[in-house]
Amino acid sequence: MSARSANAGPKTEREEQPSSTLPRRQLGRHLRDWRAQAGLTIAEASRLMEWGASTLQRLEKGQADRIRTIDVRALCRIYGIPDAMAEGLTGLAQQAAVKSWWHAYGDLIPETFEIYVGLEAWAAKLTAYQSEVMLGQLQTADYARALIRLGGSQDEQEVQRRVQLRMQRQALLTRPVAPANLDVVLDESVLRRTVGGARVMAAQLRHLADLSTRPNLTLRILPFTAGIPLGDATGPFTVLDFGADGRGQPVEPPVVYVEGFTGDLYLERPADVRRYHLAHERLRRCALDIQASRHLLRQLAKEYVHE
């Protein structure tokens, strides 16, 4: 999205201050989870590394000033982390400490290492826009399977693994305790672009209509008649917010996720996050309201059935 698409406003001194970066935070999360799976306390793991407990705590919180790949590899051995996962964690450790992170597929981190899925699992709210295909958290298994096969994957076991992963991501919205909130705008083209055939599309749109009745999900359709609300064609994006602590401060800085064909972009600068929030507000204002969006979904589902 170009600079003229939304008014980002002036930067403040506080916004320019450094904070932990996404690769470091993701590395810390994974190491904390694997340590717990290994049945080790911070004190025990620190002794094995000949560290003070505070050193490992900072690493797990994404606050370490310096991360050495040799240390990450040692922790992977101690925790019994499989080689493929260890390779991904080592790649995270090597990423530059920058505010905006371009993760190129297969560059340091294996393509099968699910960076975004791990990040998404911690989100308290997702604010999303999709212009071409259905948002992953909203896809039916048949829709997801058709997309994955179209992407060139022919191995049935790999297709099934990826479908299952996509279905597991939906627990973020449906889990009984503290489900995440999702506010999504779908371009009308997402509903009319056939994936998997008419039967698959009909079931997908009915599924969407049903999901839209959940209190933690707000779904609006941007009709063709809305034109280009931003004055620029913007691709799909998701803003991830991680909630606030007891003092009302963000648990972690929000992140904008922009999916690409050869890699993904993660934006952390407050000005960038604000710009995408403003863009979503404009799209939402031009979209159909919740009831009209649900009516359109059910209407189009019937049309697919009668094709």
C-alpha atoms as a PDB file:
ATOM      1  CA  MET A   1       0.000   0.000   0.000  1.00  0.00           C
ATOM      2  CA  SER A   2       1.434   3.369  -0.946  1.00  0.00           C
ATOM      3  CA  ALA A   3       2.074   6.229   1.459  1.00  0.00           C
ATOM      4  CA  ARG A   4      -0.932   8.130   0.144  1.00  0.00           C
ATOM      5  CA  SER A   5      -3.328   5.306   1.014  1.00  0.00           C
ATOM      6  CA  ALA A   6      -3.618   6.266   4.666  1.00  0.00           C
ATOM      7  CA  ASN A   7      -2.373   9.033   6.901  1.00  0.00           C
ATOM      8  CA  ALA A   8       0.175   7.452   9.191  1.00  0.00           C
ATOM      9  CA  GLY A   9       0.640  10.598  11.300  1.00  0.00           C
ATOM     10  CA  PRO A  10       3.856  11.855  12.897  1.00  0.00           C
ATOM     11  CA  LYS A  11       6.210   9.506  14.698  1.00  0.00           C
ATOM     12  CA  THR A  12       6.769  10.036  18.385  1.00  0.00           C
ATOM     13  CA  GLU A  13      10.016   9.651  20.299  1.00  0.00           C
ATOM     14  CA  ARG A  14       8.586   6.607  22.046  1.00  0.00           C
ATOM     15  CA  GLU A  15       7.833   4.906  18.732  1.00  0.00           C
ATOM     16  CA  GLU A  16      11.459   5.230  17.665  1.00  0.00           C
ATOM     17  CA  GLN A  17      12.712   3.357  20.725  1.00  0.00           C
ATOM     18  CA  PRO A  18      13.888  -0.201  20.031  1.00  0.00           C
ATOM     19  CA  SER A  19      11.894  -3.229  21.159  1.00  0.00           C
ATOM     20  CA  SER A  20      12.311  -6.972  20.854  1.00  0.00           C
ATOM     21  CA  THR A  21      11.962  -8.121  17.273  1.00  0.00           C
ATOM     22  CA  LEU A  22       9.675 -10.794  15.914  1.00  0.00           C
ATOM     23  CA  PRO A  23      12.347 -13.430  15.113  1.00  0.00           C
ATOM     24  CA  ARG A  24      13.675 -13.163  18.668  1.00  0.00           C
ATOM     25  CA  ARG A  25      10.213 -13.426  20.202  1.00  0.00           C
ATOM     26  CA  GLN A  26       9.314 -16.437  18.083  1.00  0.00           C
ATOM     27  CA  LEU A  27      12.588 -18.127  18.953  1.00  0.00           C
ATOM     28  CA  GLY A  28      11.954 -17.506  22.641  1.00  0.00           C
ATOM     29  CA  ARG A  29       8.432 -18.936  22.468  1.00  0.00           C
ATOM     30  CA  HIS A  30       9.601 -22.128  20.797  1.00  0.00           C
ATOM     31  CA  LEU A  31      12.482 -22.625  23.203  1.00  0.00           C
ATOM     32  CA  ARG A  32      10.197 -22.077  26.192  1.00  0.00           C
ATOM     33  CA  ASP A  33       7.688 -24.619  24.867  1.00  0.00           C
ATOM     34  CA  TRP A  34      10.353 -27.224  24.133  1.00  0.00           C
ATOM     35  CA  ARG A  35      11.956 -26.725  27.544  1.00  0.00           C
ATOM     36  CA  ALA A  36       8.584 -27.376  29.167  1.00  0.00           C
ATOM     37  CA  GLN A  37       8.087 -30.488  27.015  1.00  0.00           C
ATOM     38  CA  ALA A  38      11.510 -31.708  28.163  1.00  0.00           C
ATOM     39  CA  GLY A  39      10.356 -31.341  31.764  1.00  0.00           C
ATOM     40  CA  LEU A  40      13.064 -28.835  32.681  1.00  0.00           C
ATOM     41  CA  THR A  41      12.724 -25.730  34.816  1.00  0.00           C
ATOM     42  CA  ILE A  42      14.546 -22.537  33.870  1.00  0.00           C
ATOM     43  CA  ALA A  43      16.991 -23.160  36.710  1.00  0.00           C
ATOM     44  CA  GLU A  44      17.738 -26.710  35.526  1.00  0.00           C
ATOM     45  CA  ALA A  45      18.170 -25.752  31.873  1.00  0.00           C
ATOM     46  CA  SER A  46      20.355 -22.785  32.840  1.00  0.00           C
ATOM     47  CA  ARG A  47      22.669 -25.007  34.873  1.00  0.00           C
ATOM     48  CA  LEU A  48      23.085 -27.353  31.912  1.00  0.00           C
ATOM     49  CA  MET A  49      24.078 -24.335  29.778  1.00  0.00           C
ATOM     50  CA  GLU A  50      26.285 -22.952  32.608  1.00  0.00           C
ATOM     51  CA  TRP A  51      24.213 -19.761  32.503  1.00  0.00           C
ATOM     52  CA  GLY A  52      22.455 -17.684  35.078  1.00  0.00           C
ATOM     53  CA  ALA A  53      18.672 -18.150  35.089  1.00  0.00           C
ATOM     54  CA  SER A  54      18.151 -14.534  33.993  1.00  0.00           C
ATOM     55  CA  THR A  55      20.076 -15.178  30.757  1.00  0.00           C
ATOM     56  CA  LEU A  56      17.687 -17.943  29.705  1.00  0.00           C
ATOM     57  CA  GLN A  57      14.685 -15.910  30.841  1.00  0.00           C
ATOM     58  CA  ARG A  58      15.705 -13.026  28.589  1.00  0.00           C
ATOM     59  CA  LEU A  59      16.199 -15.407  25.669  1.00  0.00           C
ATOM     60  CA  GLU A  60      12.743 -16.958  26.160  1.00  0.00           C
ATOM     61  CA  LYS A  61      11.117 -13.517  26.363  1.00  0.00           C
ATOM     62  CA  GLY A  62      12.806 -12.333  23.169  1.00  0.00           C
ATOM     63  CA  GLN A  63      14.828  -9.756  25.105  1.00  0.00           C
ATOM     64  CA  ALA A  64      18.349 -11.135  24.716  1.00  0.00           C
ATOM     65  CA  ASP A  65      20.819  -8.502  23.535  1.00  0.00           C
ATOM     66  CA  ARG A  66      22.923 -11.075  21.720  1.00  0.00           C
ATOM     67  CA  ILE A  67      21.920 -14.529  20.447  1.00  0.00           C
ATOM     68  CA  ARG A  68      24.598 -17.021  19.443  1.00  0.00           C
ATOM     69  CA  THR A  69      23.608 -19.854  17.134  1.00  0.00           C
ATOM     70  CA  ILE A  70      25.975 -22.177  19.008  1.00  0.00           C
ATOM     71  CA  ASP A  71      23.897 -21.592  22.156  1.00  0.00           C
ATOM     72  CA  VAL A  72      20.632 -22.245  20.329  1.00  0.00           C
ATOM     73  CA  ARG A  73      22.016 -25.492  18.941  1.00  0.00           C
ATOM     74  CA  ALA A  74      23.104 -26.523  22.439  1.00  0.00           C
ATOM     75  CA  LEU A  75      19.625 -25.858  23.812  1.00  0.00           C
ATOM     76  CA  CYS A  76      18.120 -27.864  20.960  1.00  0.00           C
ATOM     77  CA  ARG A  77      20.292 -30.831  21.928  1.00  0.00           C
ATOM     78  CA  ILE A  78      19.411 -30.496  25.607  1.00  0.00           C
ATOM     79  CA  TYR A  79      15.674 -30.315  24.868  1.00  0.00           C
ATOM     80  CA  GLY A  80      15.776 -33.138  22.310  1.00  0.00           C
ATOM     81  CA  ILE A  81      14.445 -30.920  19.518  1.00  0.00           C
ATOM     82  CA  PRO A  82      14.221 -32.738  16.129  1.00  0.00           C
ATOM     83  CA  ASP A  83      16.747 -31.706  13.489  1.00  0.00           C
ATOM     84  CA  ALA A  84      14.206 -30.026  11.169  1.00  0.00           C
ATOM     85  CA  MET A  85      12.831 -27.887  14.008  1.00  0.00           C
ATOM     86  CA  ALA A  86      16.334 -27.140  15.283  1.00  0.00           C
ATOM     87  CA  GLU A  87      17.283 -25.882  11.818  1.00  0.00           C
ATOM     88  CA  GLY A  88      14.349 -23.483  11.872  1.00  0.00           C
ATOM     89  CA  LEU A  89      15.227 -22.202  15.340  1.00  0.00           C
ATOM     90  CA  THR A  90      18.843 -21.677  14.308  1.00  0.00           C
ATOM     91  CA  GLY A  91      17.594 -19.712  11.306  1.00  0.00           C
ATOM     92  CA  LEU A  92      15.509 -17.499  13.587  1.00  0.00           C
ATOM     93  CA  ALA A  93      18.600 -16.825  15.691  1.00  0.00           C
ATOM     94  CA  GLN A  94      20.459 -15.601  12.599  1.00  0.00           C
ATOM     95  CA  GLN A  95      17.833 -13.087  11.491  1.00  0.00           C
ATOM     96  CA  ALA A  96      18.825  -9.420  11.642  1.00  0.00           C
ATOM     97  CA  ALA A  97      17.356  -7.326  14.449  1.00  0.00           C
ATOM     98  CA  VAL A  98      15.196  -5.077  12.302  1.00  0.00           C
ATOM     99  CA  LYS A  99      11.737  -3.592  12.755  1.00  0.00           C
ATOM    100  CA  SER A 100      10.400  -4.966   9.486  1.00  0.00           C
ATOM    101  CA  TRP A 101      11.291  -8.541   8.671  1.00  0.00           C
ATOM    102  CA  TRP A 102      11.128 -10.170   5.244  1.00  0.00           C
ATOM    103  CA  HIS A 103      11.107 -13.945   5.650  1.00  0.00           C
ATOM    104  CA  ALA A 104      12.069 -15.435   2.287  1.00  0.00           C
ATOM    105  CA  TYR A 105      10.994 -19.060   1.916  1.00  0.00           C
ATOM    106  CA  GLY A 106      13.920 -21.445   2.310  1.00  0.00           C
ATOM    107  CA  ASP A 107      16.322 -18.641   3.272  1.00  0.00           C
ATOM    108  CA  LEU A 108      17.983 -19.743   6.554  1.00  0.00           C
ATOM    109  CA  ILE A 109      14.645 -21.088   7.786  1.00  0.00           C
ATOM    110  CA  PRO A 110      13.111 -24.142   6.062  1.00  0.00           C
ATOM    111  CA  GLU A 111       9.905 -23.477   4.148  1.00  0.00           C
ATOM    112  CA  THR A 112       8.114 -26.120   6.249  1.00  0.00           C
ATOM    113  CA  PHE A 113       8.858 -24.175   9.458  1.00  0.00           C
ATOM    114  CA  GLU A 114       5.551 -22.454  10.182  1.00  0.00           C
ATOM    115  CA  ILE A 115       6.552 -18.962  11.348  1.00  0.00           C
ATOM    116  CA  TYR A 116       3.134 -17.340  10.980  1.00  0.00           C
ATOM    117  CA  VAL A 117       1.149 -20.226  12.493  1.00  0.00           C
ATOM    118  CA  GLY A 118       3.272 -20.058  15.637  1.00  0.00           C
ATOM    119  CA  LEU A 119       2.738 -16.309  15.863  1.00  0.00           C
ATOM    120  CA  GLU A 120      -0.983 -16.519  15.190  1.00  0.00           C
ATOM    121  CA  ALA A 121      -1.520 -18.985  18.041  1.00  0.00           C
ATOM    122  CA  TRP A 122      -0.623 -16.254  20.547  1.00  0.00           C
ATOM    123  CA  ALA A 123      -2.863 -13.542  19.096  1.00  0.00           C
ATOM    124  CA  ALA A 124      -5.798 -12.144  21.044  1.00  0.00           C
ATOM    125  CA  LYS A 125      -7.250 -10.378  17.994  1.00  0.00           C
ATOM    126  CA  LEU A 126      -6.773 -10.622  14.243  1.00  0.00           C
ATOM    127  CA  THR A 127      -7.838  -7.830  11.902  1.00  0.00           C
ATOM    128  CA  ALA A 128      -7.740  -9.108   8.344  1.00  0.00           C
ATOM    129  CA  TYR A 129      -8.518  -8.335   4.721  1.00  0.00           C
ATOM    130  CA  GLN A 130      -8.586 -10.937   1.955  1.00  0.00           C
ATOM    131  CA  SER A 131      -8.854  -9.996  -1.694  1.00  0.00           C
ATOM    132  CA  GLU A 132      -8.322 -13.291  -3.552  1.00  0.00           C
ATOM    133  CA  VAL A 133      -8.763 -16.475  -1.503  1.00  0.00           C
ATOM    134  CA  MET A 134     -10.526 -17.410   1.708  1.00  0.00           C
ATOM    135  CA  LEU A 135      -8.758 -16.578   4.954  1.00  0.00           C
ATOM    136  CA  GLY A 136      -7.049 -19.728   6.254  1.00  0.00           C
ATOM    137  CA  GLN A 137      -8.933 -19.748   9.567  1.00  0.00           C
ATOM    138  CA  LEU A 138     -12.256 -19.754   7.698  1.00  0.00           C
ATOM    139  CA  GLN A 139     -11.589 -22.446   5.095  1.00  0.00           C
ATOM    140  CA  THR A 140     -13.382 -25.768   4.988  1.00  0.00           C
ATOM    141  CA  ALA A 141     -11.232 -28.884   4.616  1.00  0.00           C
ATOM    142  CA  ASP A 142     -12.385 -29.387   1.009  1.00  0.00           C
ATOM    143  CA  TYR A 143     -11.623 -25.769   0.058  1.00  0.00           C
ATOM    144  CA  ALA A 144      -8.188 -25.989   1.701  1.00  0.00           C
ATOM    145  CA  ARG A 145      -7.461 -29.316  -0.007  1.00  0.00           C
ATOM    146  CA  ALA A 146      -8.359 -27.907  -3.425  1.00  0.00           C
ATOM    147  CA  LEU A 147      -6.096 -24.877  -2.899  1.00  0.00           C
ATOM    148  CA  ILE A 148      -3.165 -26.984  -1.743  1.00  0.00           C
ATOM    149  CA  ARG A 149      -3.461 -29.290  -4.749  1.00  0.00           C
ATOM    150  CA  LEU A 150      -3.667 -26.310  -7.077  1.00  0.00           C
ATOM    151  CA  GLY A 151      -0.399 -25.131  -5.526  1.00  0.00           C
ATOM    152  CA  GLY A 152       1.322 -28.169  -6.988  1.00  0.00           C
ATOM    153  CA  SER A 153       1.408 -30.560  -4.047  1.00  0.00           C
ATOM    154  CA  GLN A 154       0.652 -34.076  -5.310  1.00  0.00           C
ATOM    155  CA  ASP A 155       1.811 -36.191  -2.370  1.00  0.00           C
ATOM    156  CA  GLU A 156      -1.418 -37.183  -0.611  1.00  0.00           C
ATOM    157  CA  GLN A 157       0.187 -37.462   2.817  1.00  0.00           C
ATOM    158  CA  GLU A 158       1.645 -33.971   2.510  1.00  0.00           C
ATOM    159  CA  VAL A 159      -1.706 -32.620   1.292  1.00  0.00           C
ATOM    160  CA  GLN A 160      -3.464 -34.186   4.266  1.00  0.00           C
ATOM    161  CA  ARG A 161      -0.849 -32.860   6.700  1.00  0.00           C
ATOM    162  CA  ARG A 162      -1.323 -29.334   5.430  1.00  0.00           C
ATOM    163  CA  VAL A 163      -5.114 -29.617   5.500  1.00  0.00           C
ATOM    164  CA  GLN A 164      -4.996 -30.832   9.107  1.00  0.00           C
ATOM    165  CA  LEU A 165      -2.714 -27.955  10.057  1.00  0.00           C
ATOM    166  CA  ARG A 166      -5.130 -25.473   8.527  1.00  0.00           C
ATOM    167  CA  MET A 167      -8.050 -27.040  10.390  1.00  0.00           C
ATOM    168  CA  GLN A 168      -6.109 -26.946  13.654  1.00  0.00           C
ATOM    169  CA  ARG A 169      -5.606 -23.204  13.206  1.00  0.00           C
ATOM    170  CA  GLN A 170      -9.351 -22.719  13.434  1.00  0.00           C
ATOM    171  CA  ALA A 171      -9.252 -23.736  17.112  1.00  0.00           C
ATOM    172  CA  LEU A 172      -7.965 -20.206  17.692  1.00  0.00           C
ATOM    173  CA  LEU A 173     -11.528 -18.990  17.059  1.00  0.00           C
ATOM    174  CA  THR A 174     -13.554 -21.882  18.455  1.00  0.00           C
ATOM    175  CA  ARG A 175     -11.666 -22.892  21.608  1.00  0.00           C
ATOM    176  CA  PRO A 176     -13.892 -22.723  24.714  1.00  0.00           C
ATOM    177  CA  VAL A 177     -11.459 -20.622  26.779  1.00  0.00           C
ATOM    178  CA  ALA A 178     -10.355 -17.169  25.573  1.00  0.00           C
ATOM    179  CA  PRO A 179     -11.005 -17.581  21.836  1.00  0.00           C
ATOM    180  CA  ALA A 180      -9.346 -14.948  19.681  1.00  0.00           C
ATOM    181  CA  ASN A 181     -11.424 -12.213  18.090  1.00  0.00           C
ATOM    182  CA  LEU A 182     -11.432 -11.964  14.305  1.00  0.00           C
ATOM    183  CA  ASP A 183     -12.556  -8.910  12.353  1.00  0.00           C
ATOM    184  CA  VAL A 184     -12.315  -9.729   8.649  1.00  0.00           C
ATOM    185  CA  VAL A 185     -13.297  -8.031   5.408  1.00  0.00           C
ATOM    186  CA  LEU A 186     -13.581 -10.320   2.382  1.00  0.00           C
ATOM    187  CA  ASP A 187     -13.619  -8.932  -1.134  1.00  0.00           C
ATOM    188  CA  GLU A 188     -16.598 -10.189  -3.130  1.00  0.00           C
ATOM    189  CA  SER A 189     -14.180 -11.802  -5.578  1.00  0.00           C
ATOM    190  CA  VAL A 190     -13.235 -14.312  -2.853  1.00  0.00           C
ATOM    191  CA  LEU A 191     -16.821 -15.584  -2.896  1.00  0.00           C
ATOM    192  CA  ARG A 192     -17.150 -15.730  -6.679  1.00  0.00           C
ATOM    193  CA  ARG A 193     -13.759 -17.211  -7.580  1.00  0.00           C
ATOM    194  CA  THR A 194     -14.449 -20.940  -7.783  1.00  0.00           C
ATOM    195  CA  VAL A 195     -12.085 -23.209  -5.872  1.00  0.00           C
ATOM    196  CA  GLY A 196     -12.750 -26.949  -5.957  1.00  0.00           C
ATOM    197  CA  GLY A 197     -16.009 -26.717  -7.872  1.00  0.00           C
ATOM    198  CA  ALA A 198     -19.557 -25.554  -7.158  1.00  0.00           C
ATOM    199  CA  ARG A 199     -20.247 -28.088  -4.384  1.00  0.00           C
ATOM    200  CA  VAL A 200     -17.116 -27.077  -2.469  1.00  0.00           C
ATOM    201  CA  MET A 201     -17.934 -23.387  -2.849  1.00  0.00           C
ATOM    202  CA  ALA A 202     -21.530 -23.828  -1.692  1.00  0.00           C
ATOM    203  CA  ALA A 203     -20.364 -25.635   1.457  1.00  0.00           C
ATOM    204  CA  GLN A 204     -17.654 -23.024   2.034  1.00  0.00           C
ATOM    205  CA  LEU A 205     -20.078 -20.109   1.877  1.00  0.00           C
ATOM    206  CA  ARG A 206     -22.592 -21.841   4.153  1.00  0.00           C
ATOM    207  CA  HIS A 207     -19.736 -22.485   6.580  1.00  0.00           C
ATOM    208  CA  LEU A 208     -18.836 -18.793   6.482  1.00  0.00           C
ATOM    209  CA  ALA A 209     -22.414 -17.738   7.121  1.00  0.00           C
ATOM    210  CA  ASP A 210     -22.620 -20.055  10.123  1.00  0.00           C
ATOM    211  CA  LEU A 211     -19.288 -18.886  11.534  1.00  0.00           C
ATOM    212  CA  SER A 212     -20.359 -15.259  11.199  1.00  0.00           C
ATOM    213  CA  THR A 213     -22.940 -15.801  13.968  1.00  0.00           C
ATOM    214  CA  ARG A 214     -20.160 -16.355  16.529  1.00  0.00           C
ATOM    215  CA  PRO A 215     -19.783 -13.424  18.956  1.00  0.00           C
ATOM    216  CA  ASN A 216     -15.989 -13.290  18.488  1.00  0.00           C
ATOM    217  CA  LEU A 217     -16.137 -13.128  14.677  1.00  0.00           C
ATOM    218  CA  THR A 218     -17.074 -10.067  12.652  1.00  0.00           C
ATOM    219  CA  LEU A 219     -17.325 -10.720   8.924  1.00  0.00           C
ATOM    220  CA  ARG A 220     -18.110  -8.160   6.252  1.00  0.00           C
ATOM    221  CA  ILE A 221     -18.140  -8.466   2.468  1.00  0.00           C
ATOM    222  CA  LEU A 222     -16.660  -5.687   0.340  1.00  0.00           C
ATOM    223  CA  PRO A 223     -18.917  -5.661  -2.758  1.00  0.00           C
ATOM    224  CA  PHE A 224     -17.723  -4.930  -6.259  1.00  0.00           C
ATOM    225  CA  THR A 225     -19.844  -1.782  -6.182  1.00  0.00           C
ATOM    226  CA  ALA A 226     -17.544  -0.344  -3.476  1.00  0.00           C
ATOM    227  CA  GLY A 227     -14.839   0.156  -6.077  1.00  0.00           C
ATOM    228  CA  ILE A 228     -11.309   0.723  -4.700  1.00  0.00           C
ATOM    229  CA  PRO A 229     -11.878   2.345  -1.282  1.00  0.00           C
ATOM    230  CA  LEU A 230      -8.184   3.029  -0.639  1.00  0.00           C
ATOM    231  CA  GLY A 231      -7.433   4.478  -4.053  1.00  0.00           C
ATOM    232  CA  ASP A 232      -4.821   1.743  -4.394  1.00  0.00           C
ATOM    233  CA  ALA A 233      -5.196  -2.003  -4.769  1.00  0.00           C
ATOM    234  CA  THR A 234      -3.924  -3.505  -1.532  1.00  0.00           C
ATOM    235  CA  GLY A 235      -3.190  -7.171  -1.163  1.00  0.00           C
ATOM    236  CA  PRO A 236      -4.292  -9.367   1.725  1.00  0.00           C
ATOM    237  CA  PHE A 237      -3.007  -8.555   5.202  1.00  0.00           C
ATOM    238  CA  THR A 238      -3.563  -9.457   8.833  1.00  0.00           C
ATOM    239  CA  VAL A 239      -2.849  -7.307  11.887  1.00  0.00           C
ATOM    240  CA  LEU A 240      -2.157  -9.422  14.967  1.00  0.00           C
ATOM    241  CA  ASP A 241      -2.701  -7.952  18.433  1.00  0.00           C
ATOM    242  CA  PHE A 242      -1.634  -9.875  21.519  1.00  0.00           C
ATOM    243  CA  GLY A 243      -3.780  -8.307  24.205  1.00  0.00           C
ATOM    244  CA  ALA A 244      -2.841  -6.271  27.270  1.00  0.00           C
ATOM    245  CA  ASP A 245      -1.409  -7.089  30.683  1.00  0.00           C
ATOM    246  CA  GLY A 246      -2.897  -6.167  34.056  1.00  0.00           C
ATOM    247  CA  ARG A 247      -1.634  -2.603  33.681  1.00  0.00           C
ATOM    248  CA  GLY A 248      -3.265  -2.175  30.294  1.00  0.00           C
ATOM    249  CA  GLN A 249       0.045  -2.331  28.434  1.00  0.00           C
ATOM    250  CA  PRO A 250       0.404  -4.496  25.283  1.00  0.00           C
ATOM    251  CA  VAL A 251       1.719  -7.960  26.092  1.00  0.00           C
ATOM    252  CA  GLU A 252       3.738  -7.734  22.871  1.00  0.00           C
ATOM    253  CA  PRO A 253       3.894  -5.172  20.068  1.00  0.00           C
ATOM    254  CA  PRO A 254       1.280  -5.771  17.351  1.00  0.00           C
ATOM    255  CA  VAL A 255       2.482  -7.161  14.024  1.00  0.00           C
ATOM    256  CA  VAL A 256       1.257  -6.772  10.438  1.00  0.00           C
ATOM    257  CA  TYR A 257       1.545  -9.949   8.375  1.00  0.00           C
ATOM    258  CA  VAL A 258       1.621  -9.609   4.581  1.00  0.00           C
ATOM    259  CA  GLU A 259       1.789 -12.926   2.738  1.00  0.00           C
ATOM    260  CA  GLY A 260       3.799 -13.086  -0.476  1.00  0.00           C
ATOM    261  CA  PHE A 261       4.422 -15.664  -3.184  1.00  0.00           C
ATOM    262  CA  THR A 262       8.123 -16.102  -2.359  1.00  0.00           C
ATOM    263  CA  GLY A 263       8.106 -14.974   1.258  1.00  0.00           C
ATOM    264  CA  ASP A 264       6.251 -13.133   3.993  1.00  0.00           C
ATOM    265  CA  LEU A 265       6.622  -9.608   5.334  1.00  0.00           C
ATOM    266  CA  TYR A 266       6.247  -8.817   9.038  1.00  0.00           C
ATOM    267  CA  LEU A 267       5.902  -5.142   9.974  1.00  0.00           C
ATOM    268  CA  GLU A 268       6.350  -3.977  13.575  1.00  0.00           C
ATOM    269  CA  ARG A 269       6.863  -0.213  13.373  1.00  0.00           C
ATOM    270  CA  PRO A 270       3.928   1.519  15.098  1.00  0.00           C
ATOM    271  CA  ALA A 271       3.461   3.805  12.069  1.00  0.00           C
ATOM    272  CA  ASP A 272       3.105   0.769   9.768  1.00  0.00           C
ATOM    273  CA  VAL A 273       0.687  -0.986  12.121  1.00  0.00           C
ATOM    274  CA  ARG A 274      -1.408   2.187  12.396  1.00  0.00           C
ATOM    275  CA  ARG A 275      -1.486   2.569   8.609  1.00  0.00           C
ATOM    276  CA  TYR A 276      -2.892  -0.913   8.140  1.00  0.00           C
ATOM    277  CA  HIS A 277      -5.433  -0.415  10.910  1.00  0.00           C
ATOM    278  CA  LEU A 278      -6.599   2.752   9.146  1.00  0.00           C
ATOM    279  CA  ALA A 279      -6.767   0.898   5.833  1.00  0.00           C
ATOM    280  CA  HIS A 280      -8.942  -1.797   7.413  1.00  0.00           C
ATOM    281  CA  GLU A 281     -11.258   0.841   8.888  1.00  0.00           C
ATOM    282  CA  ARG A 282     -11.806   2.336   5.417  1.00  0.00           C
ATOM    283  CA  LEU A 283     -12.474  -1.071   3.893  1.00  0.00           C
ATOM    284  CA  ARG A 284     -14.898  -1.900   6.688  1.00  0.00           C
ATOM    285  CA  ARG A 285     -16.810   1.352   6.235  1.00  0.00           C
ATOM    286  CA  CYS A 286     -17.295   0.585   2.540  1.00  0.00           C
ATOM    287  CA  ALA A 287     -18.286  -3.045   3.122  1.00  0.00           C
ATOM    288  CA  LEU A 288     -21.766  -4.450   3.640  1.00  0.00           C
ATOM    289  CA  ASP A 289     -22.939  -4.634   7.225  1.00  0.00           C
ATOM    290  CA  ILE A 290     -22.905  -7.926   9.099  1.00  0.00           C
ATOM    291  CA  GLN A 291     -26.491  -8.956   8.314  1.00  0.00           C
ATOM    292  CA  ALA A 292     -26.266  -8.012   4.637  1.00  0.00           C
ATOM    293  CA  SER A 293     -22.957  -9.871   4.351  1.00  0.00           C
ATOM    294  CA  ARG A 294     -24.483 -13.031   5.843  1.00  0.00           C
ATOM    295  CA  HIS A 295     -27.464 -12.750   3.498  1.00  0.00           C
ATOM    296  CA  LEU A 296     -25.136 -12.474   0.481  1.00  0.00           C
ATOM    297  CA  LEU A 297     -23.194 -15.549   1.611  1.00  0.00           C
ATOM    298  CA  ARG A 298     -26.353 -17.667   1.854  1.00  0.00           C
ATOM    299  CA  GLN A 299     -27.660 -16.317  -1.451  1.00  0.00           C
ATOM    300  CA  LEU A 300     -24.455 -17.144  -3.319  1.00  0.00           C
ATOM    301  CA  ALA A 301     -24.332 -20.598  -1.715  1.00  0.00           C
ATOM    302  CA  LYS A 302     -27.753 -21.326  -3.211  1.00  0.00           C
ATOM    303  CA  GLU A 303     -26.589 -20.102  -6.601  1.00  0.00           C
ATOM    304  CA  TYR A 304     -23.641 -22.526  -6.512  1.00  0.00           C
ATOM    305  CA  VAL A 305     -26.003 -25.379  -5.625  1.00  0.00           C
ATOM    306  CA  HIS A 306     -28.179 -24.655  -8.686  1.00  0.00           C
ATOM    307  CA  GLU A 307     -25.310 -24.396 -11.149  1.00  0.00           C
END
